Amino acid sequence: MSTVLYVTAHPLNESVSHSLFVGNEFIQAYREANPKDEVIHLDLYKMDIPQIDADVLNGWGLLRSGASLDQLSTESKMKVSRLSELVDQFLEADKIVVANPVWNFLFPPVLKTYIDAICIAGKTFKFSDEGKLVGLASDKKLLHIQASGSVLSEGPFSSFEFSHRYLTAIAAFIGIPSVDVIYIEGIGASADRVPEIKEKALEQALKLAKNF
């Protein structure tokens, strides 16, 4: 049995969000194909995800110097403990599905906050004695479902594609060997083609769900 984290980064629901529509259809098809697997939905807009702020940095510094968790301030202890919970949950999962829109050429800030929460030295990456970066999440699979108003995967705007490119870089950083992607793109530039664009993405999602 596998555990899947379904990570969504959109404040609205699937009736409005194209990424959530395709993502939810993927998850439904995945559940049908893998009835014994556990799927955990992380709606980032409804979660407590501490930002890496002074409380966190000071808390981590004290822990590295040998202090115990109980010696941290109340705020530091609460935030550091929560970040530890999030990265441990990520490490326990076998597969990750991320669904998000593109806003101004990047994903919503809440997804960056979550990425910061799981990129923790000694947990998802480390440096060897020779200084070589070692990703510690090489046992995972990642699917990225992304909706954008412009076509970003190719063509004149491809140099502005920072969202999927960044997520792929983070995956490599923590050791995930490859990232599957489903683009729902051009929905703003070609409003008359939205049903066609969504249908193509949906076909990809339903096909991939059988073997992900």
Protein backbone atom coordinates (compact mmCIF):
# COMPACT_ATOMS: atom_id res chain seq x y z
CA MET A 1 0.00 0.00 0.00
CA SER A 2 1.26 3.47 -0.92
CA THR A 3 0.57 6.86 0.62
CA VAL A 4 -0.16 9.78 -1.69
CA LEU A 5 0.00 13.43 -0.68
CA TYR A 6 -2.36 15.51 -2.82
CA VAL A 7 -1.06 19.05 -2.40
CA THR A 8 -3.33 21.81 -3.70
CA ALA A 9 -2.47 25.51 -3.90
CA HIS A 10 -5.61 27.33 -4.99
CA PRO A 11 -7.97 29.31 -2.73
CA LEU A 12 -11.09 28.42 -4.77
CA ASN A 13 -12.66 25.07 -5.68
CA GLU A 14 -12.66 22.83 -8.74
CA SER A 15 -15.67 24.55 -10.28
CA VAL A 16 -13.46 27.61 -10.80
CA SER A 17 -9.92 26.23 -10.72
CA HIS A 18 -8.80 24.29 -13.78
CA SER A 19 -5.84 22.80 -11.92
CA LEU A 20 -8.08 21.50 -9.14
CA PHE A 21 -10.61 20.15 -11.62
CA VAL A 22 -7.97 18.04 -13.36
CA GLY A 23 -6.24 17.23 -10.07
CA ASN A 24 -9.44 15.97 -8.45
CA GLU A 25 -10.26 13.86 -11.51
CA PHE A 26 -6.78 12.37 -11.36
CA ILE A 27 -7.14 11.54 -7.68
CA GLN A 28 -10.54 9.93 -8.23
CA ALA A 29 -9.17 7.78 -11.05
CA TYR A 30 -6.10 6.95 -8.97
CA ARG A 31 -8.27 5.80 -6.06
CA GLU A 32 -10.26 3.56 -8.40
CA ALA A 33 -7.06 2.02 -9.77
CA ASN A 34 -5.41 1.75 -6.33
CA PRO A 35 -8.21 1.19 -3.78
CA LYS A 36 -5.81 0.13 -1.01
CA ASP A 37 -3.65 3.26 -1.20
CA GLU A 38 -4.13 6.15 1.21
CA VAL A 39 -4.61 9.62 -0.27
CA ILE A 40 -4.06 12.61 2.05
CA HIS A 41 -5.28 15.96 0.76
CA LEU A 42 -3.21 18.95 1.85
CA ASP A 43 -5.15 22.12 1.03
CA LEU A 44 -2.37 24.60 1.62
CA TYR A 45 -4.76 27.52 1.98
CA LYS A 46 -6.39 25.83 4.96
CA MET A 47 -3.24 24.64 6.72
CA ASP A 48 -0.94 25.97 9.38
CA ILE A 49 2.42 26.26 7.60
CA PRO A 50 4.91 28.43 9.49
CA GLN A 51 7.08 30.70 7.42
CA ILE A 52 10.79 30.56 8.04
CA ASP A 53 11.05 33.66 10.22
CA ALA A 54 13.14 34.84 13.17
CA ASP A 55 11.40 32.43 15.56
CA VAL A 56 12.23 29.46 13.34
CA LEU A 57 15.80 30.49 12.56
CA ASN A 58 16.56 31.24 16.20
CA GLY A 59 14.97 27.98 17.27
CA TRP A 60 16.95 25.93 14.77
CA GLY A 61 20.13 27.72 15.84
CA LEU A 62 19.56 26.87 19.49
CA LEU A 63 18.82 23.23 18.67
CA ARG A 64 22.03 22.97 16.64
CA SER A 65 23.97 24.39 19.59
CA GLY A 66 22.65 21.61 21.83
CA ALA A 67 19.53 23.13 23.38
CA SER A 68 16.48 20.96 23.87
CA LEU A 69 13.12 21.72 22.30
CA ASP A 70 11.74 22.68 25.70
CA GLN A 71 14.36 25.41 26.03
CA LEU A 72 13.02 27.27 23.01
CA SER A 73 10.59 30.17 23.31
CA THR A 74 6.91 29.30 23.02
CA GLU A 75 6.71 30.68 19.47
CA SER A 76 9.91 28.99 18.33
CA LYS A 77 8.92 25.67 19.84
CA MET A 78 5.47 25.77 18.20
CA LYS A 79 6.76 26.69 14.75
CA VAL A 80 9.76 24.36 14.74
CA SER A 81 7.60 21.45 15.90
CA ARG A 82 5.04 22.13 13.17
CA LEU A 83 7.72 22.25 10.49
CA SER A 84 9.05 18.94 11.76
CA GLU A 85 5.56 17.43 11.48
CA LEU A 86 5.22 18.61 7.88
CA VAL A 87 8.57 17.29 6.68
CA ASP A 88 8.02 13.97 8.47
CA GLN A 89 4.62 13.63 6.78
CA PHE A 90 6.28 14.33 3.43
CA LEU A 91 8.97 11.73 4.08
CA GLU A 92 6.40 9.10 4.98
CA ALA A 93 4.58 9.54 1.65
CA ASP A 94 5.44 7.51 -1.42
CA LYS A 95 3.90 9.74 -4.08
CA ILE A 96 3.24 13.47 -4.31
CA VAL A 97 0.69 15.22 -6.52
CA VAL A 98 0.88 19.02 -6.68
CA ALA A 99 -1.89 21.05 -8.34
CA ASN A 100 -1.60 24.80 -8.74
CA PRO A 101 -2.36 27.78 -10.97
CA VAL A 102 0.29 30.11 -12.34
CA TRP A 103 0.05 33.70 -11.14
CA ASN A 104 2.45 36.19 -12.70
CA PHE A 105 4.63 33.36 -14.01
CA LEU A 106 4.93 31.54 -10.67
CA PHE A 107 2.80 29.41 -8.37
CA PRO A 108 0.96 30.98 -5.37
CA PRO A 109 3.18 31.97 -2.40
CA VAL A 110 1.61 29.36 -0.14
CA LEU A 111 3.25 26.62 -2.21
CA LYS A 112 6.68 28.20 -1.72
CA THR A 113 5.99 28.26 2.02
CA TYR A 114 5.23 24.52 1.91
CA ILE A 115 8.36 23.82 -0.15
CA ASP A 116 10.42 25.69 2.45
CA ALA A 117 8.79 23.51 5.12
CA ILE A 118 9.92 20.26 3.51
CA CYS A 119 13.40 21.27 2.33
CA ILE A 120 15.11 20.65 5.64
CA ALA A 121 18.79 19.75 5.97
CA GLY A 122 19.23 16.28 7.41
CA LYS A 123 15.67 15.34 6.47
CA THR A 124 15.21 15.70 2.71
CA PHE A 125 18.80 16.60 1.78
CA LYS A 126 22.28 16.62 3.23
CA PHE A 127 25.86 17.34 2.28
CA SER A 128 28.39 14.51 2.28
CA ASP A 129 31.78 14.77 3.96
CA GLU A 130 33.13 15.78 0.55
CA GLY A 131 30.59 18.58 0.29
CA LYS A 132 28.46 16.82 -2.29
CA LEU A 133 24.72 17.44 -2.17
CA VAL A 134 22.70 14.28 -1.47
CA GLY A 135 18.92 14.20 -1.91
CA LEU A 136 17.19 11.98 0.64
CA ALA A 137 13.78 11.64 -1.06
CA SER A 138 14.84 9.48 -4.00
CA ASP A 139 12.17 6.89 -3.23
CA LYS A 140 9.31 9.22 -4.22
CA LYS A 141 7.31 10.00 -7.36
CA LEU A 142 6.02 13.48 -8.14
CA LEU A 143 3.25 14.65 -10.45
CA HIS A 144 2.76 18.36 -11.16
CA ILE A 145 -0.60 19.58 -12.49
CA GLN A 146 -0.40 23.21 -13.57
CA ALA A 147 -2.90 25.62 -15.12
CA SER A 148 -1.88 28.88 -16.76
CA GLY A 149 -3.51 31.55 -18.87
CA SER A 150 -0.61 31.58 -21.33
CA VAL A 151 1.22 28.68 -22.95
CA LEU A 152 4.44 28.43 -20.94
CA SER A 153 5.80 24.96 -21.73
CA GLU A 154 6.89 26.07 -25.21
CA GLY A 155 6.76 29.03 -27.54
CA PRO A 156 7.47 32.74 -26.96
CA PHE A 157 6.62 32.68 -23.24
CA SER A 158 8.67 29.59 -22.36
CA SER A 159 11.45 31.71 -20.85
CA PHE A 160 8.89 33.01 -18.34
CA GLU A 161 8.01 29.52 -17.09
CA PHE A 162 9.33 29.59 -13.52
CA SER A 163 6.72 27.46 -11.75
CA HIS A 164 7.22 23.95 -13.13
CA ARG A 165 10.90 24.66 -13.69
CA TYR A 166 11.33 25.57 -10.03
CA LEU A 167 9.40 22.54 -8.79
CA THR A 168 11.54 20.30 -10.99
CA ALA A 169 14.69 21.89 -9.55
CA ILE A 170 13.45 21.33 -6.00
CA ALA A 171 12.64 17.70 -6.83
CA ALA A 172 16.20 17.18 -8.08
CA PHE A 173 17.56 18.98 -5.01
CA ILE A 174 15.87 16.53 -2.63
CA GLY A 175 16.55 13.49 -4.80
CA ILE A 176 13.29 12.82 -6.63
CA PRO A 177 14.54 11.44 -9.94
CA SER A 178 11.84 12.75 -12.28
CA VAL A 179 8.64 14.78 -12.37
CA ASP A 180 5.57 13.98 -14.46
CA VAL A 181 3.66 17.07 -15.56
CA ILE A 182 0.20 17.83 -16.91
CA TYR A 183 -0.18 21.31 -18.36
CA ILE A 184 -3.56 23.04 -18.64
CA GLU A 185 -2.27 26.07 -20.47
CA GLY A 186 -3.47 28.78 -22.80
CA ILE A 187 -6.85 29.03 -21.07
CA GLY A 188 -6.63 32.82 -20.89
CA ALA A 189 -5.12 33.43 -24.30
CA SER A 190 -7.55 31.09 -26.07
CA ALA A 191 -10.83 31.28 -24.18
CA ASP A 192 -12.73 29.56 -27.01
CA ARG A 193 -10.44 26.52 -26.66
CA VAL A 194 -10.83 26.03 -22.90
CA PRO A 195 -13.03 22.87 -23.21
CA GLU A 196 -10.52 21.36 -25.64
CA ILE A 197 -7.54 22.27 -23.45
CA LYS A 198 -9.17 20.80 -20.34
CA GLU A 199 -10.21 17.65 -22.17
CA LYS A 200 -6.66 17.04 -23.37
CA ALA A 201 -5.31 17.48 -19.84
CA LEU A 202 -8.03 15.25 -18.44
CA GLU A 203 -7.14 12.48 -20.89
CA GLN A 204 -3.52 12.70 -19.74
CA ALA A 205 -4.58 12.60 -16.09
CA LEU A 206 -6.84 9.57 -16.44
CA LYS A 207 -4.19 7.67 -18.38
CA LEU A 208 -1.42 8.52 -15.92
CA ALA A 209 -3.59 7.64 -12.90
CA LYS A 210 -3.54 3.98 -13.90
CA ASN A 211 0.24 3.66 -13.61
CA PHE A 212 1.38 6.44 -11.27
